[in-house]
Structure formats: structure tokens, C-alpha cells
């Protein structure tokens, strides 16, 4: 992670776990898939998502991803496709 990404993460207060879950959201994973991937209860995933939404000031998965891309917390798949294409 670049220092600007680290700064953005620190600014919004996301933990490493929350950032990992946000990345899984960006990959299109469901709560159930995220729980299985990270060996968590599905309720724990929901708890983390609630915290992510609060810290990013959003109320949906889509808004969370949009905000994460704006802040540079996640690399947009559109940018990745353009770079490789």
C-alpha cells in the first residue's frame, strides 16, 4: 500500500480487517462468501460492514465501494482493465 493509501485509510479510521472486507466487497463477494474467506461468522461480517459504512459516511455497499474508489482505498476494476488492455 502506498503512503497516500495508508493516509486515506488512517483518515477514515478503517482497520486492516475492515479494509480487507472492503476489498472483498470490491471483488463482488457476498457476506456469506466474505465470512467463509476470512473464517468469520456472517454476523461478524455484517458488524464490520456497519462500521465501514459509518466510517465512510455511507449507507449501502455500492456507496461504500464508490467512496473507497474516490479515496483511493481500492483500485477501480475499470482502471485495472484499461491499464491491462
PDB file of N, CA and C in Angstrom:
ATOM      1  N   UNK A   1       0.846  -1.179   0.000  1.00  0.00           N
ATOM      2  CA  UNK A   1       0.000   0.000   0.000  1.00  0.00           C
ATOM      3  C   UNK A   1       0.891   1.243   0.000  1.00  0.00           C
ATOM      4  N   UNK A   2       0.594   2.191  -0.874  1.00  0.00           N
ATOM      5  CA  UNK A   2       1.361   3.415  -0.937  1.00  0.00           C
ATOM      6  C   UNK A   2       1.030   4.291   0.263  1.00  0.00           C
ATOM      7  N   UNK A   3       1.903   5.272   0.521  1.00  0.00           N
ATOM      8  CA  UNK A   3       1.679   6.123   1.685  1.00  0.00           C
ATOM      9  C   UNK A   3       0.376   6.907   1.561  1.00  0.00           C
ATOM     10  N   UNK A   4      -0.006   7.325   0.344  1.00  0.00           N
ATOM     11  CA  UNK A   4      -1.264   8.049   0.192  1.00  0.00           C
ATOM     12  C   UNK A   4      -2.445   7.153   0.545  1.00  0.00           C
ATOM     13  N   UNK A   5      -2.373   5.874   0.175  1.00  0.00           N
ATOM     14  CA  UNK A   5      -3.423   4.928   0.540  1.00  0.00           C
ATOM     15  C   UNK A   5      -3.455   4.738   2.047  1.00  0.00           C
ATOM     16  N   UNK A   6      -2.288   4.630   2.646  1.00  0.00           N
ATOM     17  CA  UNK A   6      -2.209   4.468   4.099  1.00  0.00           C
ATOM     18  C   UNK A   6      -2.777   5.696   4.796  1.00  0.00           C
ATOM     19  N   UNK A   7      -2.483   6.880   4.259  1.00  0.00           N
ATOM     20  CA  UNK A   7      -3.007   8.116   4.836  1.00  0.00           C
ATOM     21  C   UNK A   7      -4.524   8.157   4.733  1.00  0.00           C
ATOM     22  N   UNK A   8      -5.063   7.760   3.580  1.00  0.00           N
ATOM     23  CA  UNK A   8      -6.521   7.758   3.394  1.00  0.00           C
ATOM     24  C   UNK A   8      -7.173   6.779   4.354  1.00  0.00           C
ATOM     25  N   UNK A   9      -6.564   5.605   4.523  1.00  0.00           N
ATOM     26  CA  UNK A   9      -7.098   4.607   5.445  1.00  0.00           C
ATOM     27  C   UNK A   9      -7.081   5.150   6.861  1.00  0.00           C
ATOM     28  N   UNK A  10      -5.986   5.793   7.235  1.00  0.00           N
ATOM     29  CA  UNK A  10      -5.868   6.358   8.574  1.00  0.00           C
ATOM     30  C   UNK A  10      -6.882   7.482   8.783  1.00  0.00           C
ATOM     31  N   UNK A  11      -7.091   8.303   7.740  1.00  0.00           N
ATOM     32  CA  UNK A  11      -8.026   9.422   7.839  1.00  0.00           C
ATOM     33  C   UNK A  11      -9.449   8.958   8.131  1.00  0.00           C
ATOM     34  N   UNK A  12      -9.886   7.878   7.490  1.00  0.00           N
ATOM     35  CA  UNK A  12     -11.250   7.396   7.725  1.00  0.00           C
ATOM     36  C   UNK A  12     -11.313   6.419   8.887  1.00  0.00           C
ATOM     37  N   UNK A  13     -10.171   5.961   9.368  1.00  0.00           N
ATOM     38  CA  UNK A  13     -10.135   5.113  10.548  1.00  0.00           C
ATOM     39  C   UNK A  13     -10.449   3.654  10.318  1.00  0.00           C
ATOM     40  N   UNK A  14     -10.260   3.154   9.091  1.00  0.00           N
ATOM     41  CA  UNK A  14     -10.525   1.740   8.825  1.00  0.00           C
ATOM     42  C   UNK A  14      -9.412   0.866   9.384  1.00  0.00           C
ATOM     43  N   UNK A  15      -9.806  -0.238  10.005  1.00  0.00           N
ATOM     44  CA  UNK A  15      -8.832  -1.219  10.482  1.00  0.00           C
ATOM     45  C   UNK A  15      -8.375  -2.069   9.301  1.00  0.00           C
ATOM     46  N   UNK A  16      -7.329  -2.836   9.500  1.00  0.00           N
ATOM     47  CA  UNK A  16      -6.847  -3.732   8.449  1.00  0.00           C
ATOM     48  C   UNK A  16      -7.938  -4.728   8.046  1.00  0.00           C
ATOM     49  N   UNK A  17      -8.667  -5.250   9.026  1.00  0.00           N
ATOM     50  CA  UNK A  17      -9.746  -6.204   8.756  1.00  0.00           C
ATOM     51  C   UNK A  17     -10.845  -5.545   7.931  1.00  0.00           C
ATOM     52  N   UNK A  18     -11.209  -4.314   8.321  1.00  0.00           N
ATOM     53  CA  UNK A  18     -12.247  -3.602   7.582  1.00  0.00           C
ATOM     54  C   UNK A  18     -11.806  -3.336   6.145  1.00  0.00           C
ATOM     55  N   UNK A  19     -10.546  -2.989   5.963  1.00  0.00           N
ATOM     56  CA  UNK A  19     -10.027  -2.752   4.622  1.00  0.00           C
ATOM     57  C   UNK A  19     -10.036  -4.039   3.796  1.00  0.00           C
ATOM     58  N   UNK A  20      -9.725  -5.163   4.430  1.00  0.00           N
ATOM     59  CA  UNK A  20      -9.775  -6.455   3.742  1.00  0.00           C
ATOM     60  C   UNK A  20     -11.198  -6.793   3.320  1.00  0.00           C
ATOM     61  N   UNK A  21     -12.147  -6.528   4.197  1.00  0.00           N
ATOM     62  CA  UNK A  21     -13.552  -6.796   3.889  1.00  0.00           C
ATOM     63  C   UNK A  21     -14.028  -5.861   2.776  1.00  0.00           C
ATOM     64  N   UNK A  22     -13.588  -4.617   2.810  1.00  0.00           N
ATOM     65  CA  UNK A  22     -13.926  -3.680   1.749  1.00  0.00           C
ATOM     66  C   UNK A  22     -13.376  -4.172   0.407  1.00  0.00           C
ATOM     67  N   UNK A  23     -12.166  -4.706   0.419  1.00  0.00           N
ATOM     68  CA  UNK A  23     -11.587  -5.272  -0.795  1.00  0.00           C
ATOM     69  C   UNK A  23     -12.395  -6.446  -1.316  1.00  0.00           C
ATOM     70  N   UNK A  24     -12.885  -7.274  -0.394  1.00  0.00           N
ATOM     71  CA  UNK A  24     -13.724  -8.409  -0.789  1.00  0.00           C
ATOM     72  C   UNK A  24     -15.036  -7.921  -1.404  1.00  0.00           C
ATOM     73  N   UNK A  25     -15.572  -6.823  -0.859  1.00  0.00           N
ATOM     74  CA  UNK A  25     -16.770  -6.215  -1.452  1.00  0.00           C
ATOM     75  C   UNK A  25     -16.470  -5.799  -2.885  1.00  0.00           C
ATOM     76  N   UNK A  26     -15.298  -5.217  -3.073  1.00  0.00           N
ATOM     77  CA  UNK A  26     -14.896  -4.770  -4.397  1.00  0.00           C
ATOM     78  C   UNK A  26     -14.773  -5.905  -5.393  1.00  0.00           C
ATOM     79  N   UNK A  27     -14.537  -7.108  -4.893  1.00  0.00           N
ATOM     80  CA  UNK A  27     -14.461  -8.286  -5.750  1.00  0.00           C
ATOM     81  C   UNK A  27     -15.841  -8.896  -5.983  1.00  0.00           C
ATOM     82  N   UNK A  28     -16.878  -8.265  -5.407  1.00  0.00           N
ATOM     83  CA  UNK A  28     -18.241  -8.719  -5.619  1.00  0.00           C
ATOM     84  C   UNK A  28     -18.678  -9.862  -4.726  1.00  0.00           C
ATOM     85  N   UNK A  29     -17.955 -10.089  -3.634  1.00  0.00           N
ATOM     86  CA  UNK A  29     -18.297 -11.185  -2.740  1.00  0.00           C
ATOM     87  C   UNK A  29     -19.505 -10.849  -1.874  1.00  0.00           C
ATOM     88  N   UNK A  30     -20.327 -11.862  -1.597  1.00  0.00           N
ATOM     89  CA  UNK A  30     -21.471 -11.717  -0.695  1.00  0.00           C
ATOM     90  C   UNK A  30     -20.972 -11.787   0.752  1.00  0.00           C
ATOM     91  N   UNK A  31     -21.838 -11.441   1.688  1.00  0.00           N
ATOM     92  CA  UNK A  31     -21.487 -11.552   3.108  1.00  0.00           C
ATOM     93  C   UNK A  31     -21.085 -12.988   3.449  1.00  0.00           C
ATOM     94  N   UNK A  32     -21.838 -13.939   2.924  1.00  0.00           N
ATOM     95  CA  UNK A  32     -21.555 -15.348   3.186  1.00  0.00           C
ATOM     96  C   UNK A  32     -20.179 -15.747   2.640  1.00  0.00           C
ATOM     97  N   UNK A  33     -19.856 -15.288   1.444  1.00  0.00           N
ATOM     98  CA  UNK A  33     -18.553 -15.595   0.848  1.00  0.00           C
ATOM     99  C   UNK A  33     -17.418 -14.934   1.638  1.00  0.00           C
ATOM    100  N   UNK A  34     -17.641 -13.695   2.078  1.00  0.00           N
ATOM    101  CA  UNK A  34     -16.637 -12.990   2.875  1.00  0.00           C
ATOM    102  C   UNK A  34     -16.403 -13.728   4.190  1.00  0.00           C
ATOM    103  N   UNK A  35     -17.480 -14.151   4.829  1.00  0.00           N
ATOM    104  CA  UNK A  35     -17.368 -14.889   6.090  1.00  0.00           C
ATOM    105  C   UNK A  35     -16.535 -16.152   5.905  1.00  0.00           C
ATOM    106  N   UNK A  36     -16.796 -16.871   4.839  1.00  0.00           N
ATOM    107  CA  UNK A  36     -16.052 -18.104   4.574  1.00  0.00           C
ATOM    108  C   UNK A  36     -14.579 -17.801   4.275  1.00  0.00           C
ATOM    109  N   UNK A  37     -14.335 -16.771   3.488  1.00  0.00           N
ATOM    110  CA  UNK A  37     -12.962 -16.384   3.107  1.00  0.00           C
ATOM    111  C   UNK A  37     -12.111 -16.023   4.322  1.00  0.00           C
ATOM    112  N   UNK A  38     -12.701 -15.281   5.260  1.00  0.00           N
ATOM    113  CA  UNK A  38     -11.957 -14.777   6.412  1.00  0.00           C
ATOM    114  C   UNK A  38     -12.207 -15.558   7.703  1.00  0.00           C
ATOM    115  N   UNK A  39     -12.900 -16.695   7.591  1.00  0.00           N
ATOM    116  CA  UNK A  39     -13.187 -17.543   8.756  1.00  0.00           C
ATOM    117  C   UNK A  39     -13.906 -16.759   9.848  1.00  0.00           C
ATOM    118  N   UNK A  40     -14.972 -16.067   9.446  1.00  0.00           N
ATOM    119  CA  UNK A  40     -15.773 -15.270  10.360  1.00  0.00           C
ATOM    120  C   UNK A  40     -17.223 -15.747  10.310  1.00  0.00           C
ATOM    121  N   UNK A  41     -17.966 -15.415  11.350  1.00  0.00           N
ATOM    122  CA  UNK A  41     -19.414 -15.622  11.312  1.00  0.00           C
ATOM    123  C   UNK A  41     -20.002 -14.549  10.396  1.00  0.00           C
ATOM    124  N   UNK A  42     -21.083 -14.886   9.717  1.00  0.00           N
ATOM    125  CA  UNK A  42     -21.712 -13.917   8.820  1.00  0.00           C
ATOM    126  C   UNK A  42     -22.147 -12.667   9.597  1.00  0.00           C
ATOM    127  N   UNK A  43     -22.570 -12.848  10.835  1.00  0.00           N
ATOM    128  CA  UNK A  43     -22.956 -11.707  11.673  1.00  0.00           C
ATOM    129  C   UNK A  43     -21.765 -10.788  11.940  1.00  0.00           C
ATOM    130  N   UNK A  44     -20.573 -11.348  12.063  1.00  0.00           N
ATOM    131  CA  UNK A  44     -19.364 -10.547  12.268  1.00  0.00           C
ATOM    132  C   UNK A  44     -19.064  -9.715  11.026  1.00  0.00           C
ATOM    133  N   UNK A  45     -19.270 -10.302   9.856  1.00  0.00           N
ATOM    134  CA  UNK A  45     -19.089  -9.560   8.605  1.00  0.00           C
ATOM    135  C   UNK A  45     -20.051  -8.375   8.577  1.00  0.00           C
ATOM    136  N   UNK A  46     -21.297  -8.610   8.957  1.00  0.00           N
ATOM    137  CA  UNK A  46     -22.295  -7.540   8.980  1.00  0.00           C
ATOM    138  C   UNK A  46     -21.883  -6.439   9.954  1.00  0.00           C
ATOM    139  N   UNK A  47     -21.321  -6.825  11.088  1.00  0.00           N
ATOM    140  CA  UNK A  47     -20.836  -5.859  12.076  1.00  0.00           C
ATOM    141  C   UNK A  47     -19.733  -4.997  11.474  1.00  0.00           C
ATOM    142  N   UNK A  48     -18.780  -5.641  10.794  1.00  0.00           N
ATOM    143  CA  UNK A  48     -17.683  -4.896  10.151  1.00  0.00           C
ATOM    144  C   UNK A  48     -18.224  -3.961   9.068  1.00  0.00           C
ATOM    145  N   UNK A  49     -19.180  -4.448   8.282  1.00  0.00           N
ATOM    146  CA  UNK A  49     -19.760  -3.609   7.232  1.00  0.00           C
ATOM    147  C   UNK A  49     -20.449  -2.382   7.819  1.00  0.00           C
ATOM    148  N   UNK A  50     -21.147  -2.566   8.933  1.00  0.00           N
ATOM    149  CA  UNK A  50     -21.795  -1.440   9.603  1.00  0.00           C
ATOM    150  C   UNK A  50     -20.758  -0.395  10.006  1.00  0.00           C
ATOM    151  N   UNK A  51     -19.643  -0.855  10.539  1.00  0.00           N
ATOM    152  CA  UNK A  51     -18.566   0.062  10.926  1.00  0.00           C
ATOM    153  C   UNK A  51     -17.949   0.747   9.713  1.00  0.00           C
ATOM    154  N   UNK A  52     -17.757  -0.007   8.633  1.00  0.00           N
ATOM    155  CA  UNK A  52     -17.202   0.568   7.396  1.00  0.00           C
ATOM    156  C   UNK A  52     -18.123   1.658   6.875  1.00  0.00           C
ATOM    157  N   UNK A  53     -19.426   1.358   6.808  1.00  0.00           N
ATOM    158  CA  UNK A  53     -20.394   2.342   6.316  1.00  0.00           C
ATOM    159  C   UNK A  53     -20.356   3.609   7.166  1.00  0.00           C
ATOM    160  N   UNK A  54     -20.311   3.421   8.476  1.00  0.00           N
ATOM    161  CA  UNK A  54     -20.293   4.575   9.387  1.00  0.00           C
ATOM    162  C   UNK A  54     -19.041   5.415   9.167  1.00  0.00           C
ATOM    163  N   UNK A  55     -17.896   4.761   9.072  1.00  0.00           N
ATOM    164  CA  UNK A  55     -16.628   5.480   8.914  1.00  0.00           C
ATOM    165  C   UNK A  55     -16.530   6.187   7.563  1.00  0.00           C
ATOM    166  N   UNK A  56     -17.137   5.606   6.541  1.00  0.00           N
ATOM    167  CA  UNK A  56     -17.105   6.221   5.209  1.00  0.00           C
ATOM    168  C   UNK A  56     -18.263   7.200   4.997  1.00  0.00           C
ATOM    169  N   UNK A  57     -19.217   7.210   5.923  1.00  0.00           N
ATOM    170  CA  UNK A  57     -20.355   8.111   5.824  1.00  0.00           C
ATOM    171  C   UNK A  57     -21.337   7.717   4.733  1.00  0.00           C
ATOM    172  N   UNK A  58     -21.542   6.414   4.583  1.00  0.00           N
ATOM    173  CA  UNK A  58     -22.439   5.890   3.548  1.00  0.00           C
ATOM    174  C   UNK A  58     -23.432   4.925   4.183  1.00  0.00           C
ATOM    175  N   UNK A  59     -24.393   4.433   3.358  1.00  0.00           N
ATOM    176  CA  UNK A  59     -25.382   3.515   3.918  1.00  0.00           C
ATOM    177  C   UNK A  59     -25.588   2.241   3.100  1.00  0.00           C
ATOM    178  N   UNK A  60     -24.875   2.087   1.978  1.00  0.00           N
ATOM    179  CA  UNK A  60     -25.024   0.877   1.176  1.00  0.00           C
ATOM    180  C   UNK A  60     -23.662   0.362   0.702  1.00  0.00           C
ATOM    181  N   UNK A  61     -23.657  -0.893   0.243  1.00  0.00           N
ATOM    182  CA  UNK A  61     -22.434  -1.490  -0.295  1.00  0.00           C
ATOM    183  C   UNK A  61     -21.908  -0.689  -1.489  1.00  0.00           C
ATOM    184  N   UNK A  62     -22.835  -0.311  -2.366  1.00  0.00           N
ATOM    185  CA  UNK A  62     -22.446   0.433  -3.565  1.00  0.00           C
ATOM    186  C   UNK A  62     -21.822   1.766  -3.210  1.00  0.00           C
ATOM    187  N   UNK A  63     -22.432   2.480  -2.269  1.00  0.00           N
ATOM    188  CA  UNK A  63     -21.881   3.763  -1.827  1.00  0.00           C
ATOM    189  C   UNK A  63     -20.515   3.575  -1.176  1.00  0.00           C
ATOM    190  N   UNK A  64     -20.360   2.500  -0.407  1.00  0.00           N
ATOM    191  CA  UNK A  64     -19.082   2.223   0.258  1.00  0.00           C
ATOM    192  C   UNK A  64     -17.981   2.005  -0.777  1.00  0.00           C
ATOM    193  N   UNK A  65     -18.282   1.241  -1.807  1.00  0.00           N
ATOM    194  CA  UNK A  65     -17.289   0.999  -2.850  1.00  0.00           C
ATOM    195  C   UNK A  65     -16.970   2.278  -3.611  1.00  0.00           C
ATOM    196  N   UNK A  66     -17.984   3.046  -3.931  1.00  0.00           N
ATOM    197  CA  UNK A  66     -17.772   4.305  -4.642  1.00  0.00           C
ATOM    198  C   UNK A  66     -16.864   5.223  -3.831  1.00  0.00           C
ATOM    199  N   UNK A  67     -17.154   5.328  -2.543  1.00  0.00           N
ATOM    200  CA  UNK A  67     -16.343   6.181  -1.656  1.00  0.00           C
ATOM    201  C   UNK A  67     -14.918   5.648  -1.532  1.00  0.00           C
ATOM    202  N   UNK A  68     -14.772   4.339  -1.452  1.00  0.00           N
ATOM    203  CA  UNK A  68     -13.435   3.731  -1.349  1.00  0.00           C
ATOM    204  C   UNK A  68     -12.611   4.020  -2.597  1.00  0.00           C
ATOM    205  N   UNK A  69     -13.243   3.964  -3.769  1.00  0.00           N
ATOM    206  CA  UNK A  69     -12.535   4.294  -5.008  1.00  0.00           C
ATOM    207  C   UNK A  69     -12.148   5.772  -5.024  1.00  0.00           C
ATOM    208  N   UNK A  70     -13.053   6.649  -4.569  1.00  0.00           N
ATOM    209  CA  UNK A  70     -12.770   8.086  -4.512  1.00  0.00           C
ATOM    210  C   UNK A  70     -11.563   8.378  -3.622  1.00  0.00           C
ATOM    211  N   UNK A  71     -11.499   7.686  -2.494  1.00  0.00           N
ATOM    212  CA  UNK A  71     -10.420   7.913  -1.527  1.00  0.00           C
ATOM    213  C   UNK A  71      -9.122   7.196  -1.904  1.00  0.00           C
ATOM    214  N   UNK A  72      -9.188   6.344  -2.917  1.00  0.00           N
ATOM    215  CA  UNK A  72      -8.004   5.587  -3.315  1.00  0.00           C
ATOM    216  C   UNK A  72      -7.733   4.398  -2.414  1.00  0.00           C
ATOM    217  N   UNK A  73      -8.747   3.973  -1.650  1.00  0.00           N
ATOM    218  CA  UNK A  73      -8.580   2.816  -0.778  1.00  0.00           C
ATOM    219  C   UNK A  73      -8.578   1.525  -1.579  1.00  0.00           C
ATOM    220  N   UNK A  74      -9.291   1.535  -2.704  1.00  0.00           N
ATOM    221  CA  UNK A  74      -9.352   0.383  -3.603  1.00  0.00           C
ATOM    222  C   UNK A  74      -9.023   0.856  -5.009  1.00  0.00           C
ATOM    223  N   UNK A  75      -8.431  -0.038  -5.776  1.00  0.00           N
ATOM    224  CA  UNK A  75      -8.163   0.244  -7.187  1.00  0.00           C
ATOM    225  C   UNK A  75      -9.399  -0.118  -7.984  1.00  0.00           C
ATOM    226  N   UNK A  76      -9.873   0.801  -8.793  1.00  0.00           N
ATOM    227  CA  UNK A  76     -11.069   0.559  -9.590  1.00  0.00           C
ATOM    228  C   UNK A  76     -10.814  -0.527 -10.624  1.00  0.00           C
ATOM    229  N   UNK A  77     -11.718  -1.507 -10.735  1.00  0.00           N
ATOM    230  CA  UNK A  77     -11.554  -2.544 -11.757  1.00  0.00           C
ATOM    231  C   UNK A  77     -11.559  -1.951 -13.158  1.00  0.00           C
ATOM    232  N   UNK A  78     -12.231  -0.821 -13.350  1.00  0.00           N
ATOM    233  CA  UNK A  78     -12.246  -0.163 -14.653  1.00  0.00           C
ATOM    234  C   UNK A  78     -10.858   0.355 -14.999  1.00  0.00           C
ATOM    235  N   UNK A  79     -10.154   0.899 -14.024  1.00  0.00           N
ATOM    236  CA  UNK A  79      -8.799   1.382 -14.254  1.00  0.00           C
ATOM    237  C   UNK A  79      -7.845   0.232 -14.519  1.00  0.00           C
ATOM    238  N   UNK A  80      -8.031  -0.867 -13.786  1.00  0.00           N
ATOM    239  CA  UNK A  80      -7.181  -2.041 -13.989  1.00  0.00           C
ATOM    240  C   UNK A  80      -7.378  -2.594 -15.392  1.00  0.00           C
ATOM    241  N   UNK A  81      -8.623  -2.663 -15.863  1.00  0.00           N
ATOM    242  CA  UNK A  81      -8.922  -3.182 -17.194  1.00  0.00           C
ATOM    243  C   UNK A  81      -8.322  -2.281 -18.270  1.00  0.00           C
ATOM    244  N   UNK A  82      -8.405  -0.971 -18.066  1.00  0.00           N
ATOM    245  CA  UNK A  82      -7.854  -0.028 -19.032  1.00  0.00           C
ATOM    246  C   UNK A  82      -6.331  -0.125 -19.097  1.00  0.00           C
ATOM    247  N   UNK A  83      -5.696  -0.323 -17.947  1.00  0.00           N
ATOM    248  CA  UNK A  83      -4.244  -0.422 -17.886  1.00  0.00           C
ATOM    249  C   UNK A  83      -3.732  -1.698 -18.554  1.00  0.00           C
ATOM    250  N   UNK A  84      -4.482  -2.786 -18.426  1.00  0.00           N
ATOM    251  CA  UNK A  84      -4.032  -4.049 -18.997  1.00  0.00           C
ATOM    252  C   UNK A  84      -4.477  -4.206 -20.454  1.00  0.00           C
ATOM    253  N   UNK A  85      -5.431  -3.417 -20.880  1.00  0.00           N
ATOM    254  CA  UNK A  85      -5.992  -3.543 -22.218  1.00  0.00           C
ATOM    255  C   UNK A  85      -5.338  -2.681 -23.176  1.00  0.00           C
TER     256      UNK A  85
END
